[in-house]
C-alpha atoms as a PDB file:
ATOM      1  CA  MET A   1       0.000   0.000   0.000  1.00  0.00           C
ATOM      2  CA  ALA A   2       2.990   2.316   0.383  1.00  0.00           C
ATOM      3  CA  ASP A   3       2.911   2.616  -3.408  1.00  0.00           C
ATOM      4  CA  VAL A   4      -0.050   4.984  -3.122  1.00  0.00           C
ATOM      5  CA  ALA A   5       1.912   7.371  -0.867  1.00  0.00           C
ATOM      6  CA  VAL A   6       4.811   7.345  -3.353  1.00  0.00           C
ATOM      7  CA  GLU A   7       2.412   7.912  -6.275  1.00  0.00           C
ATOM      8  CA  VAL A   8       0.960  10.999  -4.550  1.00  0.00           C
ATOM      9  CA  GLY A   9       4.401  12.612  -4.366  1.00  0.00           C
ATOM     10  CA  ARG A  10       5.302  11.563  -7.899  1.00  0.00           C
ATOM     11  CA  LYS A  11       2.144  13.113  -9.353  1.00  0.00           C
ATOM     12  CA  LEU A  12       2.708  16.393  -7.483  1.00  0.00           C
ATOM     13  CA  ASP A  13       6.345  16.499  -8.622  1.00  0.00           C
ATOM     14  CA  GLU A  14       5.241  16.005 -12.238  1.00  0.00           C
ATOM     15  CA  VAL A  15       3.029  19.102 -12.265  1.00  0.00           C
ATOM     16  CA  GLY A  16       4.775  21.373  -9.775  1.00  0.00           C
ATOM     17  CA  PRO A  17       3.187  24.240  -7.844  1.00  0.00           C
ATOM     18  CA  SER A  18       0.159  26.311  -8.859  1.00  0.00           C
ATOM     19  CA  VAL A  19      -1.553  23.374 -10.570  1.00  0.00           C
ATOM     20  CA  ALA A  20      -4.890  22.500  -8.969  1.00  0.00           C
ATOM     21  CA  THR A  21      -4.927  18.732  -8.514  1.00  0.00           C
ATOM     22  CA  VAL A  22      -7.822  16.506  -7.520  1.00  0.00           C
ATOM     23  CA  MET A  23      -6.716  13.247  -5.922  1.00  0.00           C
ATOM     24  CA  GLN A  24      -9.536  10.753  -6.334  1.00  0.00           C
ATOM     25  CA  PHE A  25      -9.201   7.430  -4.543  1.00  0.00           C
ATOM     26  CA  PRO A  26     -11.111   4.643  -2.806  1.00  0.00           C
ATOM     27  CA  ILE A  27     -11.764   5.379   0.874  1.00  0.00           C
ATOM     28  CA  SER A  28      -9.512   2.415   1.778  1.00  0.00           C
ATOM     29  CA  GLN A  29      -6.550   4.496   0.484  1.00  0.00           C
ATOM     30  CA  TYR A  30      -7.299   7.543   2.652  1.00  0.00           C
ATOM     31  CA  PHE A  31      -4.459   7.173   5.172  1.00  0.00           C
ATOM     32  CA  GLU A  32      -1.888   6.329   2.500  1.00  0.00           C
ATOM     33  CA  VAL A  33      -2.890   9.432   0.534  1.00  0.00           C
ATOM     34  CA  LEU A  34      -2.459  11.530   3.685  1.00  0.00           C
ATOM     35  CA  ARG A  35       0.926   9.911   4.339  1.00  0.00           C
ATOM     36  CA  GLY A  36       1.955  10.707   0.753  1.00  0.00           C
ATOM     37  CA  LEU A  37       0.955  14.368   1.129  1.00  0.00           C
ATOM     38  CA  VAL A  38       2.845  14.749   4.413  1.00  0.00           C
ATOM     39  CA  ASP A  39       5.922  12.944   3.041  1.00  0.00           C
ATOM     40  CA  PHE A  40       5.841  15.203  -0.030  1.00  0.00           C
ATOM     41  CA  THR A  41       5.760  18.387   2.066  1.00  0.00           C
ATOM     42  CA  ARG A  42       8.463  17.236   4.459  1.00  0.00           C
ATOM     43  CA  ALA A  43      10.821  16.160   1.646  1.00  0.00           C
ATOM     44  CA  ARG A  44      10.499  19.557  -0.059  1.00  0.00           C
ATOM     45  CA  GLY A  45      10.487  21.808   2.995  1.00  0.00           C
ATOM     46  CA  LEU A  46       6.869  22.864   2.477  1.00  0.00           C
ATOM     47  CA  GLY A  47       4.227  23.642   5.041  1.00  0.00           C
ATOM     48  CA  MET A  48       0.685  22.332   4.795  1.00  0.00           C
ATOM     49  CA  VAL A  49      -2.626  24.089   5.280  1.00  0.00           C
ATOM     50  CA  TYR A  50      -5.171  21.343   5.810  1.00  0.00           C
ATOM     51  CA  ILE A  51      -8.821  22.345   5.338  1.00  0.00           C
ATOM     52  CA  THR A  52     -10.918  19.711   7.048  1.00  0.00           C
ATOM     53  CA  ALA A  53     -14.651  19.456   6.424  1.00  0.00           C
ATOM     54  CA  ALA A  54     -15.089  15.770   7.267  1.00  0.00           C
ATOM     55  CA  VAL A  55     -13.167  15.011  10.454  1.00  0.00           C
ATOM     56  CA  PRO A  56     -12.213  17.417  13.274  1.00  0.00           C
ATOM     57  CA  ALA A  57      -8.601  18.642  13.284  1.00  0.00           C
ATOM     58  CA  LYS A  58      -8.013  17.108  16.715  1.00  0.00           C
ATOM     59  CA  THR A  59      -9.002  13.657  15.399  1.00  0.00           C
ATOM     60  CA  ILE A  60      -6.746  14.001  12.354  1.00  0.00           C
ATOM     61  CA  SER A  61      -3.830  15.119  14.570  1.00  0.00           C
ATOM     62  CA  MET A  62      -4.355  12.107  16.838  1.00  0.00           C
ATOM     63  CA  THR A  63      -4.495   9.845  13.768  1.00  0.00           C
ATOM     64  CA  PHE A  64      -1.198  11.244  12.481  1.00  0.00           C
ATOM     65  CA  ASP A  65       0.327  10.565  15.924  1.00  0.00           C
ATOM     66  CA  ALA A  66      -1.024   6.993  15.928  1.00  0.00           C
ATOM     67  CA  LEU A  67       0.440   6.386  12.466  1.00  0.00           C
ATOM     68  CA  ASP A  68       3.816   7.905  13.474  1.00  0.00           C
ATOM     69  CA  ILE A  69       3.418  10.669  10.887  1.00  0.00           C
ATOM     70  CA  ASP A  70       5.259  13.870  11.798  1.00  0.00           C
ATOM     71  CA  ALA A  71       2.613  16.556  11.368  1.00  0.00           C
ATOM     72  CA  SER A  72       4.585  19.459  12.849  1.00  0.00           C
ATOM     73  CA  ASN A  73       4.449  21.371   9.544  1.00  0.00           C
ATOM     74  CA  ILE A  74       0.622  21.224   9.321  1.00  0.00           C
ATOM     75  CA  THR A  75      -1.888  23.884  10.313  1.00  0.00           C
ATOM     76  CA  PHE A  76      -5.611  23.203  10.104  1.00  0.00           C
ATOM     77  CA  VAL A  77      -8.646  25.156   9.017  1.00  0.00           C
ATOM     78  CA  ASP A  78     -11.309  23.145  10.821  1.00  0.00           C
ATOM     79  CA  CYS A  79     -14.797  23.601   9.345  1.00  0.00           C
ATOM     80  CA  ILE A  80     -16.548  20.794  11.185  1.00  0.00           C
ATOM     81  CA  SER A  81     -15.689  20.847  14.919  1.00  0.00           C
ATOM     82  CA  GLN A  82     -17.954  23.737  15.833  1.00  0.00           C
ATOM     83  CA  MET A  83     -20.890  22.271  13.957  1.00  0.00           C
ATOM     84  CA  MET A  84     -20.332  18.853  15.586  1.00  0.00           C
ATOM     85  CA  MET A  85     -19.678  20.482  18.974  1.00  0.00           C
ATOM     86  CA  SER A  86     -16.508  18.412  19.336  1.00  0.00           C
ATOM     87  CA  ASP A  87     -13.433  19.236  21.365  1.00  0.00           C
ATOM     88  CA  ARG A  88     -11.012  21.745  19.940  1.00  0.00           C
ATOM     89  CA  ASP A  89      -7.372  21.107  19.260  1.00  0.00           C
ATOM     90  CA  GLU A  90      -5.530  23.015  21.989  1.00  0.00           C
ATOM     91  CA  SER A  91      -2.105  22.819  20.311  1.00  0.00           C
ATOM     92  CA  GLY A  92      -2.604  26.125  18.502  1.00  0.00           C
ATOM     93  CA  LYS A  93      -2.271  24.335  15.145  1.00  0.00           C
ATOM     94  CA  ALA A  94      -5.940  24.777  14.204  1.00  0.00           C
ATOM     95  CA  ILE A  95      -8.195  27.711  13.465  1.00  0.00           C
ATOM     96  CA  TYR A  96     -11.925  27.264  13.259  1.00  0.00           C
ATOM     97  CA  VAL A  97     -14.688  28.170  10.845  1.00  0.00           C
ATOM     98  CA  GLU A  98     -18.203  27.974  12.244  1.00  0.00           C
ATOM     99  CA  SER A  99     -19.579  25.746   9.482  1.00  0.00           C
ATOM    100  CA  PRO A 100     -18.604  24.164   6.149  1.00  0.00           C
ATOM    101  CA  THR A 101     -21.263  26.387   4.554  1.00  0.00           C
ATOM    102  CA  VAL A 102     -19.275  29.568   5.277  1.00  0.00           C
ATOM    103  CA  LEU A 103     -16.924  29.130   2.338  1.00  0.00           C
ATOM    104  CA  GLU A 104     -15.727  32.760   2.281  1.00  0.00           C
ATOM    105  CA  ASN A 105     -14.424  32.378   5.844  1.00  0.00           C
ATOM    106  CA  ILE A 106     -12.448  29.307   4.798  1.00  0.00           C
ATOM    107  CA  ILE A 107     -10.752  31.379   2.084  1.00  0.00           C
ATOM    108  CA  LEU A 108      -9.990  34.153   4.601  1.00  0.00           C
ATOM    109  CA  LYS A 109      -8.489  31.661   7.094  1.00  0.00           C
ATOM    110  CA  VAL A 110      -6.314  30.105   4.390  1.00  0.00           C
ATOM    111  CA  ALA A 111      -5.102  33.580   3.333  1.00  0.00           C
ATOM    112  CA  PHE A 112      -4.270  34.344   6.976  1.00  0.00           C
ATOM    113  CA  LEU A 113      -2.279  31.109   7.356  1.00  0.00           C
ATOM    114  CA  MET A 114      -0.457  31.754   4.072  1.00  0.00           C
ATOM    115  CA  ARG A 115       0.621  35.208   5.317  1.00  0.00           C
ATOM    116  CA  LYS A 116       1.592  33.751   8.698  1.00  0.00           C
ATOM    117  CA  ALA A 117       3.809  31.164   6.945  1.00  0.00           C
ATOM    118  CA  GLY A 118       5.878  33.966   5.443  1.00  0.00           C
ATOM    119  CA  GLY A 119       8.170  32.679   2.727  1.00  0.00           C
ATOM    120  CA  THR A 120       7.472  28.996   3.345  1.00  0.00           C
ATOM    121  CA  ARG A 121       5.604  27.570   0.385  1.00  0.00           C
ATOM    122  CA  GLN A 122       2.486  25.590   1.249  1.00  0.00           C
ATOM    123  CA  LEU A 123       0.526  22.615   0.063  1.00  0.00           C
ATOM    124  CA  VAL A 124      -3.165  23.431   0.617  1.00  0.00           C
ATOM    125  CA  VAL A 125      -5.407  20.390   1.041  1.00  0.00           C
ATOM    126  CA  VAL A 126      -9.202  20.453   0.819  1.00  0.00           C
ATOM    127  CA  ASP A 127     -10.406  17.346   2.679  1.00  0.00           C
ATOM    128  CA  SER A 128     -12.785  16.559   1.256  1.00  0.00           C
ATOM    129  CA  ILE A 129     -14.851  17.861  -1.608  1.00  0.00           C
ATOM    130  CA  ASN A 130     -17.338  15.062  -0.900  1.00  0.00           C
ATOM    131  CA  SER A 131     -17.969  16.437   2.611  1.00  0.00           C
ATOM    132  CA  LEU A 132     -18.210  20.018   1.397  1.00  0.00           C
ATOM    133  CA  SER A 133     -20.735  18.894  -1.230  1.00  0.00           C
ATOM    134  CA  LEU A 134     -23.044  17.680   1.537  1.00  0.00           C
ATOM    135  CA  HIS A 135     -23.285  21.261   2.826  1.00  0.00           C
ATOM    136  CA  ASN A 136     -23.012  23.303  -0.409  1.00  0.00           C
ATOM    137  CA  ASP A 137     -24.310  23.022  -3.949  1.00  0.00           C
ATOM    138  CA  ALA A 138     -22.001  22.491  -6.926  1.00  0.00           C
ATOM    139  CA  LYS A 139     -22.210  26.135  -8.068  1.00  0.00           C
ATOM    140  CA  MET A 140     -21.099  27.439  -4.662  1.00  0.00           C
ATOM    141  CA  LEU A 141     -18.272  24.891  -4.511  1.00  0.00           C
ATOM    142  CA  SER A 142     -17.176  25.859  -8.002  1.00  0.00           C
ATOM    143  CA  GLU A 143     -16.930  29.529  -7.010  1.00  0.00           C
ATOM    144  CA  PHE A 144     -15.168  28.615  -3.754  1.00  0.00           C
ATOM    145  CA  LEU A 145     -12.541  26.463  -5.483  1.00  0.00           C
ATOM    146  CA  HIS A 146     -12.023  29.000  -8.254  1.00  0.00           C
ATOM    147  CA  VAL A 147     -11.351  31.821  -5.759  1.00  0.00           C
ATOM    148  CA  LEU A 148      -9.196  29.612  -3.511  1.00  0.00           C
ATOM    149  CA  ILE A 149      -7.089  28.254  -6.385  1.00  0.00           C
ATOM    150  CA  SER A 150      -6.694  31.720  -7.949  1.00  0.00           C
ATOM    151  CA  SER A 151      -5.502  33.149  -4.633  1.00  0.00           C
ATOM    152  CA  LEU A 152      -2.913  30.375  -4.216  1.00  0.00           C
ATOM    153  CA  SER A 153      -1.410  30.547  -7.696  1.00  0.00           C
ATOM    154  CA  PRO A 154       0.790  33.651  -7.167  1.00  0.00           C
ATOM    155  CA  LYS A 155       2.157  32.090  -3.968  1.00  0.00           C
ATOM    156  CA  ASP A 156       3.475  28.962  -5.747  1.00  0.00           C
ATOM    157  CA  ALA A 157       1.308  26.829  -3.482  1.00  0.00           C
ATOM    158  CA  TYR A 158       0.194  23.302  -4.312  1.00  0.00           C
ATOM    159  CA  PRO A 159      -3.640  23.188  -4.246  1.00  0.00           C
ATOM    160  CA  VAL A 160      -4.891  19.621  -3.697  1.00  0.00           C
ATOM    161  CA  VAL A 161      -8.525  18.554  -3.458  1.00  0.00           C
ATOM    162  CA  LEU A 162      -9.244  15.126  -1.978  1.00  0.00           C
ATOM    163  CA  ALA A 163     -12.207  13.146  -3.331  1.00  0.00           C
ATOM    164  CA  THR A 164     -13.309   9.648  -2.440  1.00  0.00           C
ATOM    165  CA  GLU A 165     -14.666   7.596  -5.316  1.00  0.00           C
ATOM    166  CA  GLU A 166     -17.475   6.005  -3.317  1.00  0.00           C
ATOM    167  CA  SER A 167     -19.199   9.315  -2.481  1.00  0.00           C
ATOM    168  CA  MET A 168     -18.564  11.293  -5.655  1.00  0.00           C
ATOM    169  CA  ARG A 169     -21.714  12.830  -7.083  1.00  0.00           C
ATOM    170  CA  PRO A 170     -21.772  13.286 -10.887  1.00  0.00           C
ATOM    171  CA  ASP A 171     -22.378  17.060 -10.636  1.00  0.00           C
ATOM    172  CA  ILE A 172     -19.382  17.467  -8.312  1.00  0.00           C
ATOM    173  CA  ALA A 173     -17.147  15.341 -10.573  1.00  0.00           C
ATOM    174  CA  GLU A 174     -18.158  17.512 -13.530  1.00  0.00           C
ATOM    175  CA  MET A 175     -17.456  20.703 -11.571  1.00  0.00           C
ATOM    176  CA  LEU A 176     -14.006  19.439 -10.504  1.00  0.00           C
ATOM    177  CA  ALA A 177     -13.128  18.645 -14.127  1.00  0.00           C
ATOM    178  CA  LEU A 178     -13.939  22.246 -15.062  1.00  0.00           C
ATOM    179  CA  VAL A 179     -12.323  24.063 -12.116  1.00  0.00           C
ATOM    180  CA  CYS A 180      -9.187  22.011 -11.456  1.00  0.00           C
ATOM    181  CA  ASP A 181      -6.223  21.471 -13.767  1.00  0.00           C
ATOM    182  CA  GLN A 182      -5.974  17.708 -13.382  1.00  0.00           C
ATOM    183  CA  ILE A 183      -7.704  14.734 -11.780  1.00  0.00           C
ATOM    184  CA  VAL A 184      -5.409  11.973 -10.562  1.00  0.00           C
ATOM    185  CA  GLU A 185      -7.040   8.634  -9.916  1.00  0.00           C
ATOM    186  CA  LEU A 186      -5.167   6.675  -7.285  1.00  0.00           C
ATOM    187  CA  ASN A 187      -6.038   3.000  -7.182  1.00  0.00           C
ATOM    188  CA  ALA A 188      -5.106   0.174  -4.881  1.00  0.00           C
ATOM    189  CA  PRO A 189      -2.338  -2.101  -6.151  1.00  0.00           C
ATOM    190  CA  GLU A 190      -3.707  -5.308  -7.692  1.00  0.00           C
END
């Protein structure tokens, strides 16, 4: 399964920064995709802004710890904790948006974290478009991604959108094909 993590880095190296990439994969590959993204950032001295709309930042941080993944270069924009009334991450590595429906606040929080990072280039992960599509229609998500990707381009950031195959709606898949530069399908090794 480590091949998936390697493939993530290889695909991002092929296109370089400022290319909006959708990583589509079966849910069984989720942790390997995350490992690949973290390995990619660490190997290249990048930071990571991790927008989470599915799982609270605290849970993801604990998962990284359990998997022995060094997540010290990651800051979170947590869009789900407040809505779920879950515990907040007290490490200072997460900032919160009241709901995944407040897309403009997500963009503002990402811009803040990009400024705070100074000269350190960032990989910006949207996890996941499937979760955001439960709370927003395709037109709103299209506008959100367009503005987010456009704002990241001059900063040489790596915009990455995560999408699980099992929950992909046809209208969201169509929107991603129009808004993002490439869709990479990651599959389990046979």
